[in-house]
Amino acid sequence: MVVLRLRPEPVTRPWGGTRLARRFGLEGATRSAGAPIGEWWLVSVHPHARSAVAGDARDLPTWLAEEGAAHGLPAAEAFPVLVKFLDCDLRLSLQVHPDDEVARAHGLACGKSEAWYVLDAEPDALVYLGMAPGSTTGQLLDRLEAGAPEAEIVGLLQRLAVRPGDTLLVPAGTVHAIGGGVTLFEVQQSADVTYRLSDWGRGRATHLAQGRAAALDHPPARIVRPPLADDRAVRLLDEAAFGLLRLRVTATASFAPTRGFATLTAIDGAGTARGASGEVPVRAGETLLVTEPVTLRGSPLDLLVVEPPR
């Protein structure tokens, strides 16, 4: 049985910031070669930024190949989720991710549905998520191809004000952008594919043909904010691609993965996780991968729990 600590890997993005490095005391430079850190990949087997195993010379894909199978875990090429922190100092590009069908038609292993949990947000922070009432993705793509001004493009999008504790589902095919001044926890399918529709004049390449193939008109997005309960997990989302729960430990709580494994990311506080394989300390900013029931202690310890596909 396993309680494995993973070390976050920084990824540079032009829109990144330093809020998360300060909040969690994350190790490593907050900037690399002049580019800010926009993402910290917490659980990843992806070649772009593989998670490191804390206290071990191996990365997560190597550990899965050498020990993971014995614990019933999938090999790296079949590992289903990628978990991140996002540090959005500036507004991200307008983008869309393909679903599984479109991704495979483009030669990719899978698509990319994702979900966001808002860690912090400036008072006027917002996200763009799907289309405004009466607008369609086809209309948006037509106006983008025609070179419509930014104000017109923004007017076609649904804008949602966000605050800490909000959860938002971003199904594959949803046109979206994250505004500046927001930090997020993100869970997604294990893919790093993005079709950029607009970079808001910053000059990076766009992918309008691929975006037209991928974009879907989903029902209006909504913010999920269920009431919390101390010392037991509260479900935020349960999707085909992943599950997401929040567990606020004020003294002692028990958690048992029901889908083979789960990841537990501390977003506040500090404590311990004890399983049959021993006790592991955990503090805000750190992530555990567990395959066994654990007893969690903290005063308090706030965790986001990711489950693999059901």
Protein backbone atom coordinates (compact mmCIF):
# COMPACT_ATOMS: atom_id res chain seq x y z
CA MET A 1 0.00 0.00 0.00
CA VAL A 2 1.19 3.51 -0.77
CA VAL A 3 1.16 7.04 0.59
CA LEU A 4 3.52 8.83 -1.81
CA ARG A 5 4.60 12.47 -1.58
CA LEU A 6 5.07 14.29 -4.88
CA ARG A 7 7.04 17.47 -5.55
CA PRO A 8 5.53 20.23 -7.73
CA GLU A 9 7.25 21.04 -11.02
CA PRO A 10 7.24 24.69 -12.21
CA VAL A 11 6.22 25.49 -15.80
CA THR A 12 6.84 28.91 -17.33
CA ARG A 13 3.97 30.80 -18.94
CA PRO A 14 3.93 34.42 -20.19
CA TRP A 15 0.87 35.19 -18.05
CA GLY A 16 2.28 33.70 -14.83
CA GLY A 17 2.98 35.31 -11.48
CA THR A 18 4.44 34.78 -8.02
CA ARG A 19 1.34 34.49 -5.82
CA LEU A 20 1.47 30.71 -5.46
CA ALA A 21 5.20 30.57 -4.81
CA ARG A 22 4.71 33.07 -1.98
CA ARG A 23 1.54 31.45 -0.62
CA PHE A 24 2.92 27.92 -0.46
CA GLY A 25 6.65 28.59 -0.17
CA LEU A 26 7.20 26.55 -3.31
CA GLU A 27 10.80 25.63 -3.95
CA GLY A 28 12.55 26.72 -7.10
CA ALA A 29 12.77 30.02 -8.92
CA THR A 30 9.58 31.97 -9.52
CA ARG A 31 10.99 32.95 -12.89
CA SER A 32 13.05 30.97 -15.37
CA ALA A 33 15.04 32.62 -18.17
CA GLY A 34 12.95 35.77 -17.75
CA ALA A 35 9.59 33.97 -18.03
CA PRO A 36 7.23 33.86 -15.05
CA ILE A 37 5.97 30.61 -13.55
CA GLY A 38 2.34 30.18 -14.58
CA GLU A 39 1.78 26.56 -13.56
CA TRP A 40 2.98 24.12 -10.93
CA TRP A 41 2.32 20.57 -12.09
CA LEU A 42 1.50 18.59 -8.97
CA VAL A 43 0.65 15.15 -10.38
CA SER A 44 1.97 14.60 -13.87
CA VAL A 45 3.38 11.84 -16.04
CA HIS A 46 3.49 14.15 -19.06
CA PRO A 47 6.90 14.63 -20.73
CA HIS A 48 6.52 18.42 -20.53
CA ALA A 49 6.85 18.35 -16.72
CA ARG A 50 6.98 15.04 -14.86
CA SER A 51 6.24 15.02 -11.15
CA ALA A 52 9.16 14.13 -8.91
CA VAL A 53 8.78 11.73 -5.99
CA ALA A 54 9.80 13.52 -2.80
CA GLY A 55 12.87 12.01 -1.16
CA ASP A 56 13.52 9.82 -4.22
CA ALA A 57 15.64 10.26 -7.31
CA ARG A 58 12.83 8.96 -9.53
CA ASP A 59 10.05 10.82 -11.27
CA LEU A 60 6.46 9.60 -11.17
CA PRO A 61 6.51 7.74 -14.53
CA THR A 62 9.61 5.83 -13.45
CA TRP A 63 8.10 5.01 -10.08
CA LEU A 64 4.91 3.78 -11.76
CA ALA A 65 6.94 1.54 -14.06
CA GLU A 66 9.05 0.11 -11.24
CA GLU A 67 6.62 -0.10 -8.31
CA GLY A 68 3.24 1.22 -9.30
CA ALA A 69 1.98 -1.92 -11.04
CA ALA A 70 2.45 -3.92 -7.85
CA HIS A 71 0.05 -1.52 -6.15
CA GLY A 72 -2.54 -1.70 -8.92
CA LEU A 73 -1.69 1.66 -10.46
CA PRO A 74 -1.78 2.30 -14.21
CA ALA A 75 1.41 2.70 -16.22
CA ALA A 76 2.42 6.23 -17.15
CA GLU A 77 0.96 5.99 -20.65
CA ALA A 78 -2.45 5.12 -19.17
CA PHE A 79 -2.35 7.44 -16.15
CA PRO A 80 -5.62 9.37 -16.49
CA VAL A 81 -5.23 12.72 -14.71
CA LEU A 82 -2.95 15.74 -14.53
CA VAL A 83 -3.22 18.02 -11.48
CA LYS A 84 -1.89 21.60 -11.35
CA PHE A 85 -1.82 24.94 -9.65
CA LEU A 86 -2.32 27.93 -12.00
CA ASP A 87 -0.96 31.39 -11.15
CA CYS A 88 -2.72 33.80 -13.53
CA ASP A 89 -1.21 37.26 -13.14
CA LEU A 90 -2.46 38.29 -16.59
CA ARG A 91 -5.45 37.16 -18.64
CA LEU A 92 -4.87 33.87 -20.45
CA SER A 93 -5.53 33.39 -24.14
CA LEU A 94 -9.01 32.52 -25.37
CA GLN A 95 -8.84 28.79 -26.05
CA VAL A 96 -10.61 25.49 -26.43
CA HIS A 97 -9.62 21.86 -25.82
CA PRO A 98 -10.77 18.94 -27.96
CA ASP A 99 -12.85 16.06 -26.64
CA ASP A 100 -11.61 12.48 -26.96
CA GLU A 101 -13.12 11.97 -30.41
CA VAL A 102 -11.63 15.11 -31.93
CA ALA A 103 -8.29 14.57 -30.18
CA ARG A 104 -7.95 11.06 -31.60
CA ALA A 105 -8.85 12.32 -35.06
CA HIS A 106 -5.92 14.73 -34.64
CA GLY A 107 -3.56 11.90 -33.63
CA LEU A 108 -3.69 12.52 -29.86
CA ALA A 109 -4.28 9.94 -27.14
CA CYS A 110 -7.17 11.75 -25.45
CA GLY A 111 -8.96 15.05 -25.16
CA LYS A 112 -8.93 17.48 -22.30
CA SER A 113 -11.82 18.13 -19.97
CA GLU A 114 -10.83 20.01 -16.85
CA ALA A 115 -12.15 21.65 -13.70
CA TRP A 116 -11.03 24.66 -11.66
CA TYR A 117 -11.14 25.30 -7.95
CA VAL A 118 -10.50 28.98 -7.17
CA LEU A 119 -7.81 29.41 -4.53
CA ASP A 120 -7.71 33.20 -4.60
CA ALA A 121 -9.06 36.01 -6.75
CA GLU A 122 -8.81 39.78 -6.91
CA PRO A 123 -12.10 41.56 -6.07
CA ASP A 124 -12.99 42.14 -9.74
CA ALA A 125 -11.57 38.87 -11.10
CA LEU A 126 -13.55 36.85 -13.63
CA VAL A 127 -13.35 33.95 -16.03
CA TYR A 128 -14.76 33.61 -19.52
CA LEU A 129 -16.51 30.25 -19.73
CA GLY A 130 -18.63 29.29 -22.71
CA MET A 131 -20.91 31.51 -24.74
CA ALA A 132 -23.14 34.36 -23.63
CA PRO A 133 -26.90 33.76 -24.03
CA GLY A 134 -27.84 33.98 -27.70
CA SER A 135 -24.25 33.48 -28.93
CA THR A 136 -22.76 30.36 -30.51
CA THR A 137 -19.25 29.03 -31.02
CA GLY A 138 -19.80 29.19 -34.78
CA GLN A 139 -20.59 32.89 -34.52
CA LEU A 140 -17.52 33.44 -32.34
CA LEU A 141 -15.20 31.65 -34.78
CA ASP A 142 -16.65 33.57 -37.71
CA ARG A 143 -16.01 36.90 -35.98
CA LEU A 144 -12.50 35.87 -34.95
CA GLU A 145 -11.68 34.91 -38.54
CA ALA A 146 -13.06 38.27 -39.70
CA GLY A 147 -10.72 40.10 -37.30
CA ALA A 148 -13.47 41.51 -35.09
CA PRO A 149 -12.33 43.85 -32.31
CA GLU A 150 -11.69 42.48 -28.83
CA ALA A 151 -14.73 44.18 -27.30
CA GLU A 152 -17.01 42.37 -29.74
CA ILE A 153 -15.36 39.01 -29.03
CA VAL A 154 -15.64 39.48 -25.27
CA GLY A 155 -19.31 40.37 -25.69
CA LEU A 156 -19.98 36.93 -27.16
CA LEU A 157 -18.59 35.13 -24.09
CA GLN A 158 -20.19 34.25 -20.76
CA ARG A 159 -18.35 36.13 -18.01
CA LEU A 160 -18.43 34.81 -14.43
CA ALA A 161 -17.14 36.67 -11.39
CA VAL A 162 -15.21 34.24 -9.18
CA ARG A 163 -14.11 34.13 -5.56
CA PRO A 164 -12.14 31.68 -3.40
CA GLY A 165 -13.93 28.38 -2.96
CA ASP A 166 -15.70 28.39 -6.34
CA THR A 167 -15.54 25.23 -8.46
CA LEU A 168 -16.15 25.33 -12.21
CA LEU A 169 -16.33 22.48 -14.70
CA VAL A 170 -14.76 23.10 -18.12
CA PRO A 171 -15.90 20.25 -20.39
CA ALA A 172 -13.85 19.60 -23.51
CA GLY A 173 -15.11 21.83 -26.30
CA THR A 174 -15.83 24.80 -24.00
CA VAL A 175 -14.37 28.10 -25.19
CA HIS A 176 -12.73 29.70 -22.18
CA ALA A 177 -10.16 32.09 -20.75
CA ILE A 178 -9.05 32.83 -17.19
CA GLY A 179 -8.81 36.45 -16.20
CA GLY A 180 -5.85 38.04 -14.45
CA GLY A 181 -5.56 38.09 -10.68
CA VAL A 182 -6.76 34.50 -10.20
CA THR A 183 -4.99 31.46 -8.74
CA LEU A 184 -6.51 28.04 -9.32
CA PHE A 185 -6.22 24.37 -8.54
CA GLU A 186 -6.89 22.46 -11.77
CA VAL A 187 -7.59 18.81 -12.53
CA GLN A 188 -7.72 17.64 -16.12
CA GLN A 189 -7.33 14.65 -18.35
CA SER A 190 -3.67 13.79 -18.85
CA ALA A 191 -3.19 15.79 -22.03
CA ASP A 192 -1.39 19.02 -22.87
CA VAL A 193 -3.37 20.14 -25.90
CA THR A 194 -4.78 23.66 -26.35
CA TYR A 195 -6.19 25.34 -29.45
CA ARG A 196 -5.66 29.08 -29.02
CA LEU A 197 -8.41 31.20 -30.57
CA SER A 198 -7.16 34.63 -29.56
CA ASP A 199 -4.11 35.87 -27.69
CA TRP A 200 -5.65 39.30 -27.11
CA GLY A 201 -3.08 40.95 -29.38
CA ARG A 202 0.03 39.44 -27.74
CA GLY A 203 1.17 37.84 -30.97
CA ARG A 204 1.25 34.12 -30.29
CA ALA A 205 -0.04 31.78 -33.00
CA THR A 206 -3.73 30.90 -33.10
CA HIS A 207 -5.41 27.66 -34.19
CA LEU A 208 -8.78 28.67 -35.59
CA ALA A 209 -9.26 25.65 -37.88
CA GLN A 210 -8.56 23.21 -35.06
CA GLY A 211 -10.67 25.32 -32.72
CA ARG A 212 -13.63 25.18 -35.08
CA ALA A 213 -13.40 21.38 -35.10
CA ALA A 214 -13.21 21.24 -31.30
CA ALA A 215 -15.59 23.95 -30.07
CA LEU A 216 -19.00 22.87 -28.77
CA ASP A 217 -22.08 24.74 -27.59
CA HIS A 218 -22.49 23.40 -24.08
CA PRO A 219 -25.25 24.42 -21.65
CA PRO A 220 -24.36 27.53 -19.62
CA ALA A 221 -21.60 26.98 -17.09
CA ARG A 222 -22.35 27.38 -13.41
CA ILE A 223 -20.34 27.80 -10.24
CA VAL A 224 -20.43 24.92 -7.76
CA ARG A 225 -20.21 25.82 -4.08
CA PRO A 226 -21.67 23.10 -1.84
CA PRO A 227 -21.75 23.54 1.94
CA LEU A 228 -18.66 22.16 3.66
CA ALA A 229 -18.54 19.79 6.60
CA ASP A 230 -15.68 19.33 9.04
CA ASP A 231 -13.74 16.05 9.00
CA ARG A 232 -15.50 14.43 6.07
CA ALA A 233 -15.16 14.73 2.31
CA VAL A 234 -17.67 16.83 0.38
CA ARG A 235 -18.07 16.09 -3.30
CA LEU A 236 -17.58 19.01 -5.67
CA LEU A 237 -17.73 17.18 -9.02
CA ASP A 238 -18.15 13.63 -10.28
CA GLU A 239 -17.44 13.49 -14.00
CA ALA A 240 -16.58 10.66 -16.36
CA ALA A 241 -12.97 11.91 -16.56
CA PHE A 242 -12.35 12.55 -12.84
CA GLY A 243 -13.89 13.20 -9.45
CA LEU A 244 -13.13 16.16 -7.19
CA LEU A 245 -13.79 16.46 -3.44
CA ARG A 246 -12.86 18.84 -0.65
CA LEU A 247 -11.88 17.54 2.77
CA ARG A 248 -11.46 19.98 5.65
CA VAL A 249 -9.77 18.32 8.62
CA THR A 250 -10.20 20.11 11.93
CA ALA A 251 -9.04 17.23 14.13
CA THR A 252 -9.10 13.73 12.60
CA ALA A 253 -10.69 12.37 9.43
CA SER A 254 -10.56 9.13 7.48
CA PHE A 255 -10.30 8.82 3.72
CA ALA A 256 -10.26 5.67 1.59
CA PRO A 257 -9.78 5.75 -2.20
CA THR A 258 -12.58 3.85 -3.93
CA ARG A 259 -11.20 3.93 -7.49
CA GLY A 260 -7.76 2.40 -6.99
CA PHE A 261 -5.99 5.60 -6.02
CA ALA A 262 -6.56 9.27 -5.26
CA THR A 263 -4.44 12.39 -4.95
CA LEU A 264 -4.71 14.71 -1.96
CA THR A 265 -3.44 18.29 -2.32
CA ALA A 266 -3.23 20.46 0.78
CA ILE A 267 -4.38 24.02 0.07
CA ASP A 268 -4.24 25.27 3.66
CA GLY A 269 -2.81 24.20 7.00
CA ALA A 270 -0.59 21.25 7.84
CA GLY A 271 -0.93 17.79 9.29
CA THR A 272 -0.21 14.12 8.69
CA ALA A 273 -1.58 11.19 6.72
CA ARG A 274 -1.19 7.76 8.30
CA GLY A 275 -1.75 4.50 6.44
CA ALA A 276 -0.64 0.93 6.87
CA SER A 277 2.61 1.86 5.14
CA GLY A 278 3.42 4.58 7.69
CA GLU A 279 2.83 8.24 8.46
CA VAL A 280 3.65 11.09 6.08
CA PRO A 281 3.65 14.82 6.91
CA VAL A 282 1.78 17.15 4.58
CA ARG A 283 1.50 20.93 4.46
CA ALA A 284 -0.16 23.48 2.22
CA GLY A 285 1.15 23.23 -1.34
CA GLU A 286 2.06 19.54 -1.11
CA THR A 287 0.37 16.56 -2.79
CA LEU A 288 0.05 12.91 -1.81
CA LEU A 289 -0.83 9.95 -4.01
CA VAL A 290 -2.56 7.26 -1.95
CA THR A 291 -3.74 3.73 -2.72
CA GLU A 292 -4.81 2.82 0.82
CA PRO A 293 -7.12 4.15 3.53
CA VAL A 294 -5.51 6.96 5.50
CA THR A 295 -6.17 8.73 8.76
CA LEU A 296 -5.66 12.47 8.40
CA ARG A 297 -4.82 14.79 11.26
CA GLY A 298 -4.62 18.56 11.19
CA SER A 299 -5.79 21.64 13.01
CA PRO A 300 -6.82 22.56 10.42
CA LEU A 301 -5.79 20.83 7.19
CA ASP A 302 -7.70 21.67 4.01
CA LEU A 303 -7.40 19.21 1.12
CA LEU A 304 -8.61 18.86 -2.46
CA VAL A 305 -9.01 15.22 -3.46
CA VAL A 306 -8.83 14.03 -7.09
CA GLU A 307 -10.24 10.65 -8.09
CA PRO A 308 -9.48 8.87 -11.39
CA PRO A 309 -12.28 8.11 -13.86
CA ARG A 310 -15.17 6.11 -12.47
